[in-house]
């Protein structure tokens, strides 16, 4: 289970109500939230994958539409 929250006065406060039993062991992982300038600098998924777009060779012409057929053997669409 994953719960989201924040630190308030030195204690973890959950963002949503939870019904954890008293004394339940927990593990805390602190995430560093990106600042607004960092978010703007992050490339989009298309920018990240741009070097790979159009690089696959030897695929059937209908591979995009029927990928489940070629991967798992389901009937073609």
N, C-alpha and C. Protein backbone atom coordinates (compact mmCIF):
# COMPACT_ATOMS: atom_id res chain seq x y z
N UNK A 1 0.84 -1.18 0.00
CA UNK A 1 0.00 0.00 0.00
C UNK A 1 0.89 1.24 0.00
N UNK A 2 0.43 2.26 -0.69
CA UNK A 2 1.15 3.53 -0.71
C UNK A 2 0.22 4.62 -0.24
N UNK A 3 0.66 5.39 0.72
CA UNK A 3 -0.09 6.53 1.22
C UNK A 3 0.75 7.77 0.99
N UNK A 4 0.10 8.85 0.67
CA UNK A 4 0.81 10.12 0.47
C UNK A 4 0.55 11.02 1.66
N UNK A 5 1.53 11.83 1.99
CA UNK A 5 1.40 12.74 3.11
C UNK A 5 2.51 13.75 3.12
N UNK A 6 2.64 14.42 4.25
CA UNK A 6 3.69 15.43 4.40
C UNK A 6 4.07 15.50 5.88
N UNK A 7 5.14 16.21 6.15
CA UNK A 7 5.61 16.38 7.53
C UNK A 7 5.03 17.68 8.07
N UNK A 8 4.45 17.58 9.26
CA UNK A 8 3.89 18.75 9.92
C UNK A 8 4.31 18.70 11.39
N UNK A 9 5.06 19.71 11.82
CA UNK A 9 5.57 19.75 13.19
C UNK A 9 6.33 18.48 13.56
N UNK A 10 7.10 17.96 12.62
CA UNK A 10 7.94 16.80 12.89
C UNK A 10 7.23 15.46 12.82
N UNK A 11 5.96 15.43 12.46
CA UNK A 11 5.21 14.17 12.38
C UNK A 11 4.65 13.99 10.97
N UNK A 12 4.50 12.73 10.56
CA UNK A 12 3.91 12.43 9.25
C UNK A 12 2.40 12.64 9.35
N UNK A 13 1.86 13.42 8.41
CA UNK A 13 0.42 13.64 8.33
C UNK A 13 -0.03 13.15 6.96
N UNK A 14 -0.95 12.19 6.93
CA UNK A 14 -1.42 11.64 5.67
C UNK A 14 -2.35 12.64 4.98
N UNK A 15 -2.28 12.68 3.64
CA UNK A 15 -3.14 13.58 2.88
C UNK A 15 -4.59 13.09 2.88
N UNK A 16 -4.80 11.80 2.92
CA UNK A 16 -6.14 11.20 2.95
C UNK A 16 -6.30 10.45 4.26
N UNK A 17 -7.52 10.33 4.77
CA UNK A 17 -7.73 9.55 5.99
C UNK A 17 -7.30 8.09 5.80
N UNK A 18 -6.64 7.53 6.79
CA UNK A 18 -6.19 6.14 6.74
C UNK A 18 -6.67 5.42 7.99
N UNK A 19 -6.79 4.12 7.90
CA UNK A 19 -7.19 3.32 9.04
C UNK A 19 -6.11 2.29 9.36
N UNK A 20 -4.92 2.80 9.59
CA UNK A 20 -3.82 1.92 9.96
C UNK A 20 -3.94 1.57 11.44
N UNK A 21 -3.66 0.32 11.81
CA UNK A 21 -3.75 -0.04 13.23
C UNK A 21 -2.65 0.64 14.04
N UNK A 22 -2.96 0.95 15.28
CA UNK A 22 -1.99 1.56 16.18
C UNK A 22 -0.74 0.69 16.27
N UNK A 23 0.41 1.29 16.13
CA UNK A 23 1.67 0.57 16.23
C UNK A 23 2.10 -0.13 14.94
N UNK A 24 1.36 0.08 13.85
CA UNK A 24 1.71 -0.56 12.58
C UNK A 24 3.09 -0.08 12.14
N UNK A 25 3.98 -1.01 11.75
CA UNK A 25 5.30 -0.57 11.27
C UNK A 25 5.16 0.09 9.90
N UNK A 26 5.92 1.14 9.66
CA UNK A 26 5.88 1.85 8.39
C UNK A 26 7.30 2.11 7.91
N UNK A 27 7.42 2.37 6.63
CA UNK A 27 8.70 2.74 6.03
C UNK A 27 8.47 4.06 5.30
N UNK A 28 9.27 5.04 5.58
CA UNK A 28 9.11 6.37 5.00
C UNK A 28 10.18 6.58 3.93
N UNK A 29 9.76 7.02 2.75
CA UNK A 29 10.68 7.36 1.67
C UNK A 29 10.42 8.83 1.32
N UNK A 30 11.42 9.66 1.47
CA UNK A 30 11.27 11.09 1.23
C UNK A 30 11.57 11.39 -0.23
N UNK A 31 10.65 12.08 -0.90
CA UNK A 31 10.82 12.48 -2.29
C UNK A 31 11.16 13.95 -2.34
N UNK A 32 12.08 14.29 -3.22
CA UNK A 32 12.40 15.70 -3.43
C UNK A 32 11.52 16.19 -4.56
N UNK A 33 10.67 17.14 -4.27
CA UNK A 33 9.77 17.67 -5.28
C UNK A 33 10.53 18.64 -6.17
N UNK A 34 10.36 18.53 -7.50
CA UNK A 34 11.07 19.45 -8.39
C UNK A 34 10.49 20.86 -8.28
N UNK A 35 11.36 21.83 -8.39
CA UNK A 35 10.90 23.22 -8.39
C UNK A 35 10.29 23.52 -9.75
N UNK A 36 9.62 24.65 -9.86
CA UNK A 36 8.98 25.03 -11.12
C UNK A 36 9.99 25.10 -12.25
N UNK A 37 11.19 25.61 -11.98
CA UNK A 37 12.20 25.73 -13.03
C UNK A 37 12.70 24.36 -13.46
N UNK A 38 12.76 23.39 -12.53
CA UNK A 38 13.18 22.03 -12.88
C UNK A 38 12.13 21.35 -13.74
N UNK A 39 10.83 21.57 -13.43
CA UNK A 39 9.76 20.96 -14.21
C UNK A 39 9.80 21.45 -15.65
N UNK A 40 10.05 22.74 -15.84
CA UNK A 40 10.12 23.29 -17.18
C UNK A 40 11.30 22.71 -17.95
N UNK A 41 12.38 22.37 -17.26
CA UNK A 41 13.58 21.87 -17.92
C UNK A 41 13.46 20.39 -18.26
N UNK A 42 12.49 19.68 -17.66
CA UNK A 42 12.36 18.25 -17.94
C UNK A 42 11.84 18.04 -19.36
N UNK A 43 12.48 17.15 -20.12
CA UNK A 43 12.01 16.89 -21.48
C UNK A 43 10.71 16.09 -21.46
N UNK A 44 9.92 16.25 -22.50
CA UNK A 44 8.68 15.48 -22.62
C UNK A 44 9.04 14.03 -22.99
N UNK A 45 8.04 13.15 -22.91
CA UNK A 45 8.27 11.76 -23.28
C UNK A 45 8.69 11.67 -24.75
N UNK A 46 8.06 12.44 -25.61
CA UNK A 46 8.41 12.42 -27.04
C UNK A 46 9.85 12.88 -27.25
N UNK A 47 10.27 13.90 -26.50
CA UNK A 47 11.65 14.37 -26.62
C UNK A 47 12.64 13.32 -26.12
N UNK A 48 12.26 12.63 -25.05
CA UNK A 48 13.13 11.59 -24.50
C UNK A 48 13.27 10.42 -25.47
N UNK A 49 12.18 10.04 -26.12
CA UNK A 49 12.19 8.88 -27.02
C UNK A 49 12.52 9.23 -28.47
N UNK A 50 12.74 10.51 -28.77
CA UNK A 50 13.01 10.94 -30.14
C UNK A 50 14.13 10.15 -30.84
N UNK A 51 15.22 9.79 -30.15
CA UNK A 51 16.27 9.04 -30.84
C UNK A 51 15.83 7.65 -31.32
N UNK A 52 14.72 7.14 -30.77
CA UNK A 52 14.28 5.79 -31.12
C UNK A 52 13.11 5.77 -32.10
N UNK A 53 12.48 6.92 -32.31
CA UNK A 53 11.30 6.98 -33.18
C UNK A 53 11.71 6.65 -34.61
N UNK A 54 11.00 5.69 -35.20
CA UNK A 54 11.24 5.30 -36.59
C UNK A 54 12.45 4.41 -36.80
N UNK A 55 13.04 3.87 -35.76
CA UNK A 55 14.26 3.06 -35.90
C UNK A 55 13.98 1.58 -36.10
N UNK A 56 12.77 1.09 -35.76
CA UNK A 56 12.47 -0.33 -35.92
C UNK A 56 12.38 -0.67 -37.40
N UNK A 57 12.99 -1.76 -37.79
CA UNK A 57 12.98 -2.20 -39.18
C UNK A 57 12.44 -3.62 -39.26
N UNK A 58 11.87 -3.97 -40.40
CA UNK A 58 11.43 -5.33 -40.64
C UNK A 58 10.12 -5.69 -39.96
N UNK A 59 9.35 -4.70 -39.51
CA UNK A 59 8.07 -4.99 -38.88
C UNK A 59 6.97 -5.05 -39.92
N UNK A 60 5.91 -5.83 -39.68
CA UNK A 60 4.77 -5.82 -40.59
C UNK A 60 4.13 -4.44 -40.63
N UNK A 61 3.49 -4.11 -41.76
CA UNK A 61 2.88 -2.78 -41.90
C UNK A 61 1.78 -2.54 -40.88
N UNK A 62 1.12 -3.60 -40.42
CA UNK A 62 0.02 -3.45 -39.46
C UNK A 62 0.48 -3.73 -38.02
N UNK A 63 1.76 -3.61 -37.74
CA UNK A 63 2.29 -3.92 -36.41
C UNK A 63 1.68 -3.03 -35.33
N UNK A 64 1.46 -1.76 -35.62
CA UNK A 64 0.90 -0.86 -34.61
C UNK A 64 -0.53 -1.27 -34.26
N UNK A 65 -1.32 -1.58 -35.27
CA UNK A 65 -2.72 -1.94 -35.04
C UNK A 65 -2.86 -3.33 -34.44
N UNK A 66 -2.00 -4.26 -34.83
CA UNK A 66 -2.12 -5.65 -34.40
C UNK A 66 -0.96 -6.12 -33.53
N UNK A 67 -0.44 -5.23 -32.70
CA UNK A 67 0.70 -5.61 -31.86
C UNK A 67 0.37 -6.76 -30.93
N UNK A 68 -0.86 -6.85 -30.42
CA UNK A 68 -1.23 -7.97 -29.56
C UNK A 68 -1.17 -9.29 -30.32
N UNK A 69 -1.52 -9.27 -31.60
CA UNK A 69 -1.44 -10.48 -32.41
C UNK A 69 0.01 -10.95 -32.53
N UNK A 70 0.90 -10.01 -32.82
CA UNK A 70 2.30 -10.37 -33.02
C UNK A 70 3.01 -10.71 -31.71
N UNK A 71 2.58 -10.11 -30.61
CA UNK A 71 3.21 -10.40 -29.32
C UNK A 71 2.62 -11.61 -28.62
N UNK A 72 1.27 -11.74 -28.68
CA UNK A 72 0.60 -12.75 -27.86
C UNK A 72 -0.24 -13.74 -28.64
N UNK A 73 -0.38 -13.53 -29.96
CA UNK A 73 -1.13 -14.48 -30.76
C UNK A 73 -2.64 -14.25 -30.76
N UNK A 74 -3.11 -13.10 -30.28
CA UNK A 74 -4.54 -12.83 -30.31
C UNK A 74 -4.99 -12.62 -31.75
N UNK A 75 -6.30 -12.79 -32.03
CA UNK A 75 -6.76 -12.56 -33.42
C UNK A 75 -6.46 -11.14 -33.90
N UNK A 76 -6.20 -11.01 -35.20
CA UNK A 76 -5.96 -9.69 -35.78
C UNK A 76 -7.24 -8.89 -35.77
N UNK A 77 -7.08 -7.56 -35.75
CA UNK A 77 -8.25 -6.66 -35.79
C UNK A 77 -8.67 -6.42 -37.21
